[in-house]
PDB file of N, CA and C in Angstrom:
ATOM      1  N   MET A   1     -16.525   2.801 -26.326  1.00  0.00           N
ATOM      2  CA  MET A   1     -15.204   2.450 -26.798  1.00  0.00           C
ATOM      3  C   MET A   1     -14.234   3.421 -26.162  1.00  0.00           C
ATOM      4  N   SER A   2     -13.255   2.904 -25.500  1.00  0.00           N
ATOM      5  CA  SER A   2     -12.282   3.761 -24.840  1.00  0.00           C
ATOM      6  C   SER A   2     -11.298   4.314 -25.865  1.00  0.00           C
ATOM      7  N   ASN A   3     -10.650   5.378 -25.466  1.00  0.00           N
ATOM      8  CA  ASN A   3      -9.672   6.012 -26.339  1.00  0.00           C
ATOM      9  C   ASN A   3      -8.533   5.052 -26.655  1.00  0.00           C
ATOM     10  N   MET A   4      -8.167   4.222 -25.670  1.00  0.00           N
ATOM     11  CA  MET A   4      -7.078   3.267 -25.878  1.00  0.00           C
ATOM     12  C   MET A   4      -7.468   2.238 -26.941  1.00  0.00           C
ATOM     13  N   GLN A   5      -8.702   1.789 -26.923  1.00  0.00           N
ATOM     14  CA  GLN A   5      -9.159   0.819 -27.912  1.00  0.00           C
ATOM     15  C   GLN A   5      -9.174   1.438 -29.306  1.00  0.00           C
ATOM     16  N   ILE A   6      -9.617   2.683 -29.387  1.00  0.00           N
ATOM     17  CA  ILE A   6      -9.639   3.375 -30.678  1.00  0.00           C
ATOM     18  C   ILE A   6      -8.226   3.499 -31.217  1.00  0.00           C
ATOM     19  N   GLN A   7      -7.298   3.914 -30.338  1.00  0.00           N
ATOM     20  CA  GLN A   7      -5.912   4.062 -30.758  1.00  0.00           C
ATOM     21  C   GLN A   7      -5.324   2.735 -31.208  1.00  0.00           C
ATOM     22  N   SER A   8      -5.684   1.655 -30.524  1.00  0.00           N
ATOM     23  CA  SER A   8      -5.186   0.333 -30.888  1.00  0.00           C
ATOM     24  C   SER A   8      -5.682  -0.067 -32.277  1.00  0.00           C
ATOM     25  N   VAL A   9      -6.963   0.156 -32.535  1.00  0.00           N
ATOM     26  CA  VAL A   9      -7.524  -0.183 -33.839  1.00  0.00           C
ATOM     27  C   VAL A   9      -6.889   0.670 -34.929  1.00  0.00           C
ATOM     28  N   LEU A  10      -6.728   1.961 -34.665  1.00  0.00           N
ATOM     29  CA  LEU A  10      -6.111   2.838 -35.660  1.00  0.00           C
ATOM     30  C   LEU A  10      -4.657   2.452 -35.922  1.00  0.00           C
ATOM     31  N   ALA A  11      -3.920   2.062 -34.880  1.00  0.00           N
ATOM     32  CA  ALA A  11      -2.531   1.645 -35.067  1.00  0.00           C
ATOM     33  C   ALA A  11      -2.460   0.389 -35.919  1.00  0.00           C
ATOM     34  N   GLN A  12      -3.372  -0.536 -35.683  1.00  0.00           N
ATOM     35  CA  GLN A  12      -3.388  -1.753 -36.494  1.00  0.00           C
ATOM     36  C   GLN A  12      -3.750  -1.436 -37.939  1.00  0.00           C
ATOM     37  N   MET A  13      -4.672  -0.491 -38.134  1.00  0.00           N
ATOM     38  CA  MET A  13      -5.038  -0.104 -39.497  1.00  0.00           C
ATOM     39  C   MET A  13      -3.855   0.544 -40.210  1.00  0.00           C
ATOM     40  N   ARG A  14      -3.103   1.393 -39.478  1.00  0.00           N
ATOM     41  CA  ARG A  14      -1.933   2.036 -40.086  1.00  0.00           C
ATOM     42  C   ARG A  14      -0.874   1.000 -40.455  1.00  0.00           C
ATOM     43  N   ALA A  15      -0.647   0.046 -39.562  1.00  0.00           N
ATOM     44  CA  ALA A  15       0.334  -1.008 -39.838  1.00  0.00           C
ATOM     45  C   ALA A  15      -0.089  -1.825 -41.049  1.00  0.00           C
ATOM     46  N   LEU A  16      -1.370  -2.123 -41.139  1.00  0.00           N
ATOM     47  CA  LEU A  16      -1.885  -2.872 -42.279  1.00  0.00           C
ATOM     48  C   LEU A  16      -1.732  -2.066 -43.558  1.00  0.00           C
ATOM     49  N   SER A  17      -1.989  -0.770 -43.468  1.00  0.00           N
ATOM     50  CA  SER A  17      -1.853   0.104 -44.630  1.00  0.00           C
ATOM     51  C   SER A  17      -0.400   0.169 -45.097  1.00  0.00           C
ATOM     52  N   GLN A  18       0.532   0.286 -44.149  1.00  0.00           N
ATOM     53  CA  GLN A  18       1.942   0.354 -44.516  1.00  0.00           C
ATOM     54  C   GLN A  18       2.428  -0.969 -45.086  1.00  0.00           C
ATOM     55  N   SER A  19       1.964  -2.080 -44.528  1.00  0.00           N
ATOM     56  CA  SER A  19       2.412  -3.376 -45.040  1.00  0.00           C
ATOM     57  C   SER A  19       1.828  -3.659 -46.422  1.00  0.00           C
ATOM     58  N   SER A  20       0.663  -3.064 -46.728  1.00  0.00           N
ATOM     59  CA  SER A  20       0.079  -3.291 -48.051  1.00  0.00           C
ATOM     60  C   SER A  20       0.813  -2.490 -49.122  1.00  0.00           C
ATOM     61  N   ARG A  21       1.586  -1.486 -48.708  1.00  0.00           N
ATOM     62  CA  ARG A  21       2.346  -0.684 -49.672  1.00  0.00           C
ATOM     63  C   ARG A  21       3.630  -1.370 -50.110  1.00  0.00           C
ATOM     64  N   ILE A  22       4.060  -2.382 -49.361  1.00  0.00           N
ATOM     65  CA  ILE A  22       5.264  -3.121 -49.708  1.00  0.00           C
ATOM     66  C   ILE A  22       4.973  -3.918 -50.981  1.00  0.00           C
ATOM     67  N   GLU A  23       5.843  -3.770 -51.962  1.00  0.00           N
ATOM     68  CA  GLU A  23       5.628  -4.501 -53.207  1.00  0.00           C
ATOM     69  C   GLU A  23       6.059  -5.948 -53.033  1.00  0.00           C
ATOM     70  N   GLY A  24       5.346  -6.812 -53.673  1.00  0.00           N
ATOM     71  CA  GLY A  24       5.669  -8.229 -53.585  1.00  0.00           C
ATOM     72  C   GLY A  24       4.986  -8.861 -52.389  1.00  0.00           C
ATOM     73  N   PRO A  25       5.267 -10.133 -52.187  1.00  0.00           N
ATOM     74  CA  PRO A  25       4.631 -10.831 -51.070  1.00  0.00           C
ATOM     75  C   PRO A  25       5.144 -10.328 -49.730  1.00  0.00           C
ATOM     76  N   ALA A  26       4.321 -10.493 -48.708  1.00  0.00           N
ATOM     77  CA  ALA A  26       4.700 -10.059 -47.363  1.00  0.00           C
ATOM     78  C   ALA A  26       5.851 -10.915 -46.853  1.00  0.00           C
ATOM     79  N   PRO A  27       6.754 -10.331 -46.067  1.00  0.00           N
ATOM     80  CA  PRO A  27       7.850 -11.119 -45.508  1.00  0.00           C
ATOM     81  C   PRO A  27       7.311 -12.231 -44.615  1.00  0.00           C
ATOM     82  N   VAL A  28       8.025 -13.340 -44.622  1.00  0.00           N
ATOM     83  CA  VAL A  28       7.592 -14.506 -43.852  1.00  0.00           C
ATOM     84  C   VAL A  28       7.537 -14.188 -42.366  1.00  0.00           C
ATOM     85  N   GLU A  29       8.478 -13.369 -41.863  1.00  0.00           N
ATOM     86  CA  GLU A  29       8.502 -13.030 -40.445  1.00  0.00           C
ATOM     87  C   GLU A  29       7.235 -12.290 -40.039  1.00  0.00           C
ATOM     88  N   ALA A  30       6.765 -11.379 -40.887  1.00  0.00           N
ATOM     89  CA  ALA A  30       5.558 -10.620 -40.561  1.00  0.00           C
ATOM     90  C   ALA A  30       4.341 -11.534 -40.504  1.00  0.00           C
ATOM     91  N   VAL A  31       4.277 -12.492 -41.399  1.00  0.00           N
ATOM     92  CA  VAL A  31       3.165 -13.433 -41.396  1.00  0.00           C
ATOM     93  C   VAL A  31       3.208 -14.302 -40.145  1.00  0.00           C
ATOM     94  N   LYS A  32       4.411 -14.756 -39.763  1.00  0.00           N
ATOM     95  CA  LYS A  32       4.545 -15.570 -38.551  1.00  0.00           C
ATOM     96  C   LYS A  32       4.165 -14.780 -37.310  1.00  0.00           C
ATOM     97  N   GLU A  33       4.580 -13.504 -37.233  1.00  0.00           N
ATOM     98  CA  GLU A  33       4.240 -12.679 -36.084  1.00  0.00           C
ATOM     99  C   GLU A  33       2.741 -12.517 -35.947  1.00  0.00           C
ATOM    100  N   ALA A  34       2.044 -12.367 -37.057  1.00  0.00           N
ATOM    101  CA  ALA A  34       0.597 -12.178 -37.014  1.00  0.00           C
ATOM    102  C   ALA A  34      -0.107 -13.422 -36.503  1.00  0.00           C
ATOM    103  N   ARG A  35       0.493 -14.581 -36.663  1.00  0.00           N
ATOM    104  CA  ARG A  35      -0.154 -15.823 -36.257  1.00  0.00           C
ATOM    105  C   ARG A  35       0.247 -16.301 -34.867  1.00  0.00           C
ATOM    106  N   GLU A  36       1.238 -15.670 -34.262  1.00  0.00           N
ATOM    107  CA  GLU A  36       1.668 -16.095 -32.939  1.00  0.00           C
ATOM    108  C   GLU A  36       0.568 -15.813 -31.919  1.00  0.00           C
ATOM    109  N   PRO A  37       0.396 -16.694 -30.928  1.00  0.00           N
ATOM    110  CA  PRO A  37      -0.673 -16.519 -29.960  1.00  0.00           C
ATOM    111  C   PRO A  37      -0.505 -15.298 -29.063  1.00  0.00           C
ATOM    112  N   GLY A  38       0.685 -14.758 -28.929  1.00  0.00           N
ATOM    113  CA  GLY A  38       0.917 -13.599 -28.074  1.00  0.00           C
ATOM    114  C   GLY A  38       0.398 -12.303 -28.673  1.00  0.00           C
ATOM    115  N   HIS A  39       0.150 -12.272 -29.974  1.00  0.00           N
ATOM    116  CA  HIS A  39      -0.309 -11.064 -30.635  1.00  0.00           C
ATOM    117  C   HIS A  39      -1.831 -11.032 -30.660  1.00  0.00           C
ATOM    118  N   GLU A  40      -2.383  -9.815 -30.567  1.00  0.00           N
ATOM    119  CA  GLU A  40      -3.826  -9.669 -30.606  1.00  0.00           C
ATOM    120  C   GLU A  40      -4.327  -9.818 -32.034  1.00  0.00           C
ATOM    121  N   ASP A  41      -5.460 -10.427 -32.169  1.00  0.00           N
ATOM    122  CA  ASP A  41      -6.096 -10.612 -33.454  1.00  0.00           C
ATOM    123  C   ASP A  41      -6.894  -9.355 -33.793  1.00  0.00           C
ATOM    124  N   PHE A  42      -6.795  -8.879 -35.025  1.00  0.00           N
ATOM    125  CA  PHE A  42      -7.504  -7.669 -35.428  1.00  0.00           C
ATOM    126  C   PHE A  42      -9.007  -7.849 -35.305  1.00  0.00           C
ATOM    127  N   ALA A  43      -9.513  -8.990 -35.725  1.00  0.00           N
ATOM    128  CA  ALA A  43     -10.958  -9.226 -35.652  1.00  0.00           C
ATOM    129  C   ALA A  43     -11.438  -9.221 -34.204  1.00  0.00           C
ATOM    130  N   ALA A  44     -10.650  -9.805 -33.314  1.00  0.00           N
ATOM    131  CA  ALA A  44     -11.040  -9.826 -31.901  1.00  0.00           C
ATOM    132  C   ALA A  44     -11.021  -8.418 -31.315  1.00  0.00           C
ATOM    133  N   THR A  45     -10.019  -7.628 -31.696  1.00  0.00           N
ATOM    134  CA  THR A  45      -9.938  -6.252 -31.212  1.00  0.00           C
ATOM    135  C   THR A  45     -11.119  -5.435 -31.713  1.00  0.00           C
ATOM    136  N   LEU A  46     -11.447  -5.614 -32.975  1.00  0.00           N
ATOM    137  CA  LEU A  46     -12.583  -4.894 -33.547  1.00  0.00           C
ATOM    138  C   LEU A  46     -13.884  -5.323 -32.881  1.00  0.00           C
ATOM    139  N   HIS A  47     -14.027  -6.624 -32.631  1.00  0.00           N
ATOM    140  CA  HIS A  47     -15.225  -7.137 -31.966  1.00  0.00           C
ATOM    141  C   HIS A  47     -15.366  -6.544 -30.565  1.00  0.00           C
ATOM    142  N   GLU A  48     -14.268  -6.480 -29.823  1.00  0.00           N
ATOM    143  CA  GLU A  48     -14.296  -5.903 -28.482  1.00  0.00           C
ATOM    144  C   GLU A  48     -14.637  -4.417 -28.531  1.00  0.00           C
ATOM    145  N   ALA A  49     -14.132  -3.714 -29.523  1.00  0.00           N
ATOM    146  CA  ALA A  49     -14.425  -2.290 -29.657  1.00  0.00           C
ATOM    147  C   ALA A  49     -15.910  -2.059 -29.924  1.00  0.00           C
ATOM    148  N   VAL A  50     -16.477  -2.852 -30.822  1.00  0.00           N
ATOM    149  CA  VAL A  50     -17.905  -2.723 -31.124  1.00  0.00           C
ATOM    150  C   VAL A  50     -18.734  -3.092 -29.896  1.00  0.00           C
ATOM    151  N   ARG A  51     -18.309  -4.116 -29.183  1.00  0.00           N
ATOM    152  CA  ARG A  51     -19.008  -4.501 -27.953  1.00  0.00           C
ATOM    153  C   ARG A  51     -18.936  -3.364 -26.924  1.00  0.00           C
ATOM    154  N   GLY A  52     -17.793  -2.693 -26.848  1.00  0.00           N
ATOM    155  CA  GLY A  52     -17.651  -1.564 -25.932  1.00  0.00           C
ATOM    156  C   GLY A  52     -18.595  -0.423 -26.280  1.00  0.00           C
ATOM    157  N   VAL A  53     -18.736  -0.140 -27.573  1.00  0.00           N
ATOM    158  CA  VAL A  53     -19.668   0.901 -28.012  1.00  0.00           C
ATOM    159  C   VAL A  53     -21.095   0.499 -27.647  1.00  0.00           C
ATOM    160  N   ASN A  54     -21.421  -0.763 -27.838  1.00  0.00           N
ATOM    161  CA  ASN A  54     -22.752  -1.235 -27.477  1.00  0.00           C
ATOM    162  C   ASN A  54     -22.997  -1.080 -25.980  1.00  0.00           C
ATOM    163  N   ASP A  55     -22.002  -1.392 -25.161  1.00  0.00           N
ATOM    164  CA  ASP A  55     -22.141  -1.242 -23.712  1.00  0.00           C
ATOM    165  C   ASP A  55     -22.379   0.220 -23.331  1.00  0.00           C
ATOM    166  N   ILE A  56     -21.653   1.130 -23.981  1.00  0.00           N
ATOM    167  CA  ILE A  56     -21.833   2.559 -23.708  1.00  0.00           C
ATOM    168  C   ILE A  56     -23.244   2.987 -24.086  1.00  0.00           C
ATOM    169  N   GLN A  57     -23.748   2.512 -25.231  1.00  0.00           N
ATOM    170  CA  GLN A  57     -25.096   2.867 -25.660  1.00  0.00           C
ATOM    171  C   GLN A  57     -26.149   2.298 -24.719  1.00  0.00           C
ATOM    172  N   GLN A  58     -25.945   1.077 -24.253  1.00  0.00           N
ATOM    173  CA  GLN A  58     -26.893   0.470 -23.325  1.00  0.00           C
ATOM    174  C   GLN A  58     -26.919   1.226 -21.998  1.00  0.00           C
ATOM    175  N   ALA A  59     -25.733   1.623 -21.510  1.00  0.00           N
ATOM    176  CA  ALA A  59     -25.664   2.363 -20.258  1.00  0.00           C
ATOM    177  C   ALA A  59     -26.358   3.715 -20.384  1.00  0.00           C
ATOM    178  N   ALA A  60     -26.164   4.382 -21.512  1.00  0.00           N
ATOM    179  CA  ALA A  60     -26.819   5.672 -21.732  1.00  0.00           C
ATOM    180  C   ALA A  60     -28.334   5.504 -21.807  1.00  0.00           C
ATOM    181  N   SER A  61     -28.767   4.462 -22.473  1.00  0.00           N
ATOM    182  CA  SER A  61     -30.207   4.200 -22.560  1.00  0.00           C
ATOM    183  C   SER A  61     -30.803   3.899 -21.189  1.00  0.00           C
ATOM    184  N   THR A  62     -30.077   3.149 -20.381  1.00  0.00           N
ATOM    185  CA  THR A  62     -30.536   2.832 -19.023  1.00  0.00           C
ATOM    186  C   THR A  62     -30.636   4.099 -18.184  1.00  0.00           C
ATOM    187  N   GLN A  63     -29.634   4.972 -18.270  1.00  0.00           N
ATOM    188  CA  GLN A  63     -29.683   6.224 -17.519  1.00  0.00           C
ATOM    189  C   GLN A  63     -30.838   7.098 -17.982  1.00  0.00           C
ATOM    190  N   GLN A  64     -31.082   7.114 -19.280  1.00  0.00           N
ATOM    191  CA  GLN A  64     -32.185   7.906 -19.811  1.00  0.00           C
ATOM    192  C   GLN A  64     -33.519   7.387 -19.276  1.00  0.00           C
ATOM    193  N   THR A  65     -33.687   6.077 -19.270  1.00  0.00           N
ATOM    194  CA  THR A  65     -34.916   5.478 -18.752  1.00  0.00           C
ATOM    195  C   THR A  65     -35.083   5.779 -17.263  1.00  0.00           C
ATOM    196  N   GLN A  66     -33.992   5.678 -16.499  1.00  0.00           N
ATOM    197  CA  GLN A  66     -34.056   5.986 -15.074  1.00  0.00           C
ATOM    198  C   GLN A  66     -34.458   7.434 -14.838  1.00  0.00           C
ATOM    199  N   PHE A  67     -33.919   8.339 -15.642  1.00  0.00           N
ATOM    200  CA  PHE A  67     -34.275   9.755 -15.499  1.00  0.00           C
ATOM    201  C   PHE A  67     -35.743   9.981 -15.846  1.00  0.00           C
ATOM    202  N   GLU A  68     -36.205   9.334 -16.916  1.00  0.00           N
ATOM    203  CA  GLU A  68     -37.598   9.492 -17.326  1.00  0.00           C
ATOM    204  C   GLU A  68     -38.568   8.939 -16.282  1.00  0.00           C
ATOM    205  N   LEU A  69     -38.136   7.919 -15.555  1.00  0.00           N
ATOM    206  CA  LEU A  69     -38.982   7.344 -14.511  1.00  0.00           C
ATOM    207  C   LEU A  69     -38.920   8.157 -13.218  1.00  0.00           C
ATOM    208  N   GLY A  70     -38.062   9.163 -13.176  1.00  0.00           N
ATOM    209  CA  GLY A  70     -38.006  10.061 -12.037  1.00  0.00           C
ATOM    210  C   GLY A  70     -37.140   9.585 -10.890  1.00  0.00           C
ATOM    211  N   GLU A  71     -36.212   8.694 -11.138  1.00  0.00           N
ATOM    212  CA  GLU A  71     -35.315   8.235 -10.078  1.00  0.00           C
ATOM    213  C   GLU A  71     -34.406   9.388  -9.664  1.00  0.00           C
ATOM    214  N   SER A  72     -34.268   9.566  -8.362  1.00  0.00           N
ATOM    215  CA  SER A  72     -33.509  10.711  -7.847  1.00  0.00           C
ATOM    216  C   SER A  72     -32.002  10.530  -7.994  1.00  0.00           C
ATOM    217  N   SER A  73     -31.543   9.318  -8.220  1.00  0.00           N
ATOM    218  CA  SER A  73     -30.105   9.073  -8.331  1.00  0.00           C
ATOM    219  C   SER A  73     -29.538   9.494  -9.690  1.00  0.00           C
ATOM    220  N   THR A  74     -30.387   9.796 -10.657  1.00  0.00           N
ATOM    221  CA  THR A  74     -29.939  10.157 -12.000  1.00  0.00           C
ATOM    222  C   THR A  74     -30.347  11.594 -12.294  1.00  0.00           C
ATOM    223  N   SER A  75     -29.357  12.417 -12.661  1.00  0.00           N
ATOM    224  CA  SER A  75     -29.646  13.819 -12.976  1.00  0.00           C
ATOM    225  C   SER A  75     -29.581  14.038 -14.489  1.00  0.00           C
ATOM    226  N   LEU A  76     -30.149  15.143 -14.912  1.00  0.00           N
ATOM    227  CA  LEU A  76     -30.162  15.467 -16.341  1.00  0.00           C
ATOM    228  C   LEU A  76     -28.748  15.632 -16.909  1.00  0.00           C
ATOM    229  N   PRO A  77     -27.828  16.311 -16.208  1.00  0.00           N
ATOM    230  CA  PRO A  77     -26.463  16.410 -16.765  1.00  0.00           C
ATOM    231  C   PRO A  77     -25.793  15.046 -16.948  1.00  0.00           C
ATOM    232  N   GLN A  78     -26.021  14.125 -16.028  1.00  0.00           N
ATOM    233  CA  GLN A  78     -25.455  12.782 -16.175  1.00  0.00           C
ATOM    234  C   GLN A  78     -25.996  12.106 -17.429  1.00  0.00           C
ATOM    235  N   VAL A  79     -27.294  12.249 -17.654  1.00  0.00           N
ATOM    236  CA  VAL A  79     -27.927  11.634 -18.827  1.00  0.00           C
ATOM    237  C   VAL A  79     -27.395  12.258 -20.107  1.00  0.00           C
ATOM    238  N   MET A  80     -27.273  13.580 -20.121  1.00  0.00           N
ATOM    239  CA  MET A  80     -26.781  14.259 -21.326  1.00  0.00           C
ATOM    240  C   MET A  80     -25.341  13.865 -21.630  1.00  0.00           C
ATOM    241  N   ILE A  81     -24.510  13.761 -20.594  1.00  0.00           N
ATOM    242  CA  ILE A  81     -23.118  13.354 -20.809  1.00  0.00           C
ATOM    243  C   ILE A  81     -23.060  11.925 -21.331  1.00  0.00           C
ATOM    244  N   ALA A  82     -23.851  11.039 -20.752  1.00  0.00           N
ATOM    245  CA  ALA A  82     -23.869   9.642 -21.207  1.00  0.00           C
ATOM    246  C   ALA A  82     -24.353   9.543 -22.650  1.00  0.00           C
ATOM    247  N   MET A  83     -25.365  10.315 -23.001  1.00  0.00           N
ATOM    248  CA  MET A  83     -25.879  10.279 -24.375  1.00  0.00           C
ATOM    249  C   MET A  83     -24.842  10.834 -25.362  1.00  0.00           C
ATOM    250  N   ASN A  84     -24.124  11.894 -24.955  1.00  0.00           N
ATOM    251  CA  ASN A  84     -23.087  12.438 -25.837  1.00  0.00           C
ATOM    252  C   ASN A  84     -21.917  11.473 -25.996  1.00  0.00           C
ATOM    253  N   LYS A  85     -21.524  10.802 -24.913  1.00  0.00           N
ATOM    254  CA  LYS A  85     -20.473   9.786 -25.013  1.00  0.00           C
ATOM    255  C   LYS A  85     -20.902   8.685 -25.970  1.00  0.00           C
ATOM    256  N   SER A  86     -22.145   8.279 -25.857  1.00  0.00           N
ATOM    257  CA  SER A  86     -22.677   7.238 -26.728  1.00  0.00           C
ATOM    258  C   SER A  86     -22.644   7.677 -28.189  1.00  0.00           C
ATOM    259  N   SER A  87     -23.048   8.900 -28.431  1.00  0.00           N
ATOM    260  CA  SER A  87     -23.058   9.431 -29.797  1.00  0.00           C
ATOM    261  C   SER A  87     -21.647   9.520 -30.377  1.00  0.00           C
ATOM    262  N   ILE A  88     -20.700  10.002 -29.587  1.00  0.00           N
ATOM    263  CA  ILE A  88     -19.321  10.129 -30.056  1.00  0.00           C
ATOM    264  C   ILE A  88     -18.713   8.750 -30.324  1.00  0.00           C
ATOM    265  N   ALA A  89     -18.974   7.802 -29.442  1.00  0.00           N
ATOM    266  CA  ALA A  89     -18.447   6.444 -29.639  1.00  0.00           C
ATOM    267  C   ALA A  89     -19.012   5.836 -30.921  1.00  0.00           C
ATOM    268  N   PHE A  90     -20.299   6.045 -31.169  1.00  0.00           N
ATOM    269  CA  PHE A  90     -20.911   5.509 -32.385  1.00  0.00           C
ATOM    270  C   PHE A  90     -20.333   6.162 -33.627  1.00  0.00           C
ATOM    271  N   GLU A  91     -20.160   7.479 -33.592  1.00  0.00           N
ATOM    272  CA  GLU A  91     -19.598   8.183 -34.741  1.00  0.00           C
ATOM    273  C   GLU A  91     -18.160   7.740 -35.011  1.00  0.00           C
ATOM    274  N   ALA A  92     -17.377   7.536 -33.962  1.00  0.00           N
ATOM    275  CA  ALA A  92     -16.002   7.070 -34.147  1.00  0.00           C
ATOM    276  C   ALA A  92     -15.989   5.681 -34.774  1.00  0.00           C
ATOM    277  N   THR A  93     -16.875   4.817 -34.301  1.00  0.00           N
ATOM    278  CA  THR A  93     -16.973   3.471 -34.869  1.00  0.00           C
ATOM    279  C   THR A  93     -17.393   3.531 -36.331  1.00  0.00           C
ATOM    280  N   ASN A  94     -18.310   4.417 -36.629  1.00  0.00           N
ATOM    281  CA  ASN A  94     -18.771   4.580 -38.010  1.00  0.00           C
ATOM    282  C   ASN A  94     -17.628   5.060 -38.908  1.00  0.00           C
ATOM    283  N   GLN A  95     -16.797   5.970 -38.411  1.00  0.00           N
ATOM    284  CA  GLN A  95     -15.658   6.451 -39.189  1.00  0.00           C
ATOM    285  C   GLN A  95     -14.633   5.340 -39.430  1.00  0.00           C
ATOM    286  N   VAL A  96     -14.390   4.521 -38.411  1.00  0.00           N
ATOM    287  CA  VAL A  96     -13.473   3.388 -38.571  1.00  0.00           C
ATOM    288  C   VAL A  96     -14.024   2.429 -39.615  1.00  0.00           C
ATOM    289  N   ARG A  97     -15.324   2.166 -39.552  1.00  0.00           N
ATOM    290  CA  ARG A  97     -15.958   1.279 -40.536  1.00  0.00           C
ATOM    291  C   ARG A  97     -15.799   1.845 -41.947  1.00  0.00           C
ATOM    292  N   ASN A  98     -16.024   3.143 -42.096  1.00  0.00           N
ATOM    293  CA  ASN A  98     -15.887   3.765 -43.415  1.00  0.00           C
ATOM    294  C   ASN A  98     -14.464   3.645 -43.950  1.00  0.00           C
ATOM    295  N   ARG A  99     -13.490   3.835 -43.068  1.00  0.00           N
ATOM    296  CA  ARG A  99     -12.092   3.716 -43.511  1.00  0.00           C
ATOM    297  C   ARG A  99     -11.744   2.273 -43.857  1.00  0.00           C
ATOM    298  N   LEU A 100     -12.262   1.334 -43.081  1.00  0.00           N
ATOM    299  CA  LEU A 100     -12.021  -0.076 -43.396  1.00  0.00           C
ATOM    300  C   LEU A 100     -12.627  -0.443 -44.743  1.00  0.00           C
ATOM    301  N   LEU A 101     -13.829   0.032 -45.010  1.00  0.00           N
ATOM    302  CA  LEU A 101     -14.471  -0.257 -46.292  1.00  0.00           C
ATOM    303  C   LEU A 101     -13.700   0.351 -47.454  1.00  0.00           C
ATOM    304  N   SER A 102     -13.249   1.585 -47.287  1.00  0.00           N
ATOM    305  CA  SER A 102     -12.492   2.198 -48.385  1.00  0.00           C
ATOM    306  C   SER A 102     -11.160   1.485 -48.593  1.00  0.00           C
ATOM    307  N   ALA A 103     -10.514   1.043 -47.505  1.00  0.00           N
ATOM    308  CA  ALA A 103      -9.269   0.279 -47.642  1.00  0.00           C
ATOM    309  C   ALA A 103      -9.531  -1.050 -48.327  1.00  0.00           C
ATOM    310  N   TYR A 104     -10.620  -1.702 -47.956  1.00  0.00           N
ATOM    311  CA  TYR A 104     -10.979  -2.980 -48.588  1.00  0.00           C
ATOM    312  C   TYR A 104     -11.245  -2.788 -50.077  1.00  0.00           C
ATOM    313  N   GLN A 105     -11.986  -1.738 -50.418  1.00  0.00           N
ATOM    314  CA  GLN A 105     -12.280  -1.476 -51.827  1.00  0.00           C
ATOM    315  C   GLN A 105     -10.998  -1.167 -52.601  1.00  0.00           C
ATOM    316  N   GLU A 106     -10.082  -0.449 -51.967  1.00  0.00           N
ATOM    317  CA  GLU A 106      -8.815  -0.138 -52.627  1.00  0.00           C
ATOM    318  C   GLU A 106      -8.005  -1.399 -52.864  1.00  0.00           C
ATOM    319  N   VAL A 107      -7.958  -2.284 -51.873  1.00  0.00           N
ATOM    320  CA  VAL A 107      -7.229  -3.542 -52.031  1.00  0.00           C
ATOM    321  C   VAL A 107      -7.880  -4.415 -53.095  1.00  0.00           C
ATOM    322  N   MET A 108      -9.187  -4.456 -53.118  1.00  0.00           N
ATOM    323  CA  MET A 108      -9.883  -5.281 -54.105  1.00  0.00           C
ATOM    324  C   MET A 108      -9.726  -4.750 -55.531  1.00  0.00           C
ATOM    325  N   SER A 109      -9.483  -3.465 -55.667  1.00  0.00           N
ATOM    326  CA  SER A 109      -9.320  -2.895 -57.012  1.00  0.00           C
ATOM    327  C   SER A 109      -7.885  -3.052 -57.536  1.00  0.00           C
ATOM    328  N   MET A 110      -6.968  -3.497 -56.676  1.00  0.00           N
ATOM    329  CA  MET A 110      -5.586  -3.710 -57.113  1.00  0.00           C
ATOM    330  C   MET A 110      -5.492  -4.914 -58.021  1.00  0.00           C
ATOM    331  N   GLN A 111      -4.634  -4.786 -59.013  1.00  0.00           N
ATOM    332  CA  GLN A 111      -4.408  -5.918 -59.907  1.00  0.00           C
ATOM    333  C   GLN A 111      -3.290  -6.775 -59.350  1.00  0.00           C
ATOM    334  N   VAL A 112      -3.478  -8.070 -59.407  1.00  0.00           N
ATOM    335  CA  VAL A 112      -2.475  -8.985 -58.873  1.00  0.00           C
ATOM    336  C   VAL A 112      -1.533  -9.430 -59.955  1.00  0.00           C
TER     337      VAL A 112
END
């Protein structure tokens, strides 16, 4: 998951958090903007981010296998960097998931 994708997801989460603080129903303009085809869908962005993390993990696993098989094109520092990138991407995704779950639980506990 690239830093830009993480920032995009976090910005959308912040916007969602701020809009949920508005009392009463959401303004009609905000609802229309969310449905316009020019705007990115949150679910699609999240799906792409998770897919990106999976790609990073697969690449790290491939490099690890190549190193274990003794291929000269792959060095130990490259493998360690790829594995650390994979670990950091997974941890960031896990933190986003935890925040989404806590936000969902908070919204579900609100009285209508």
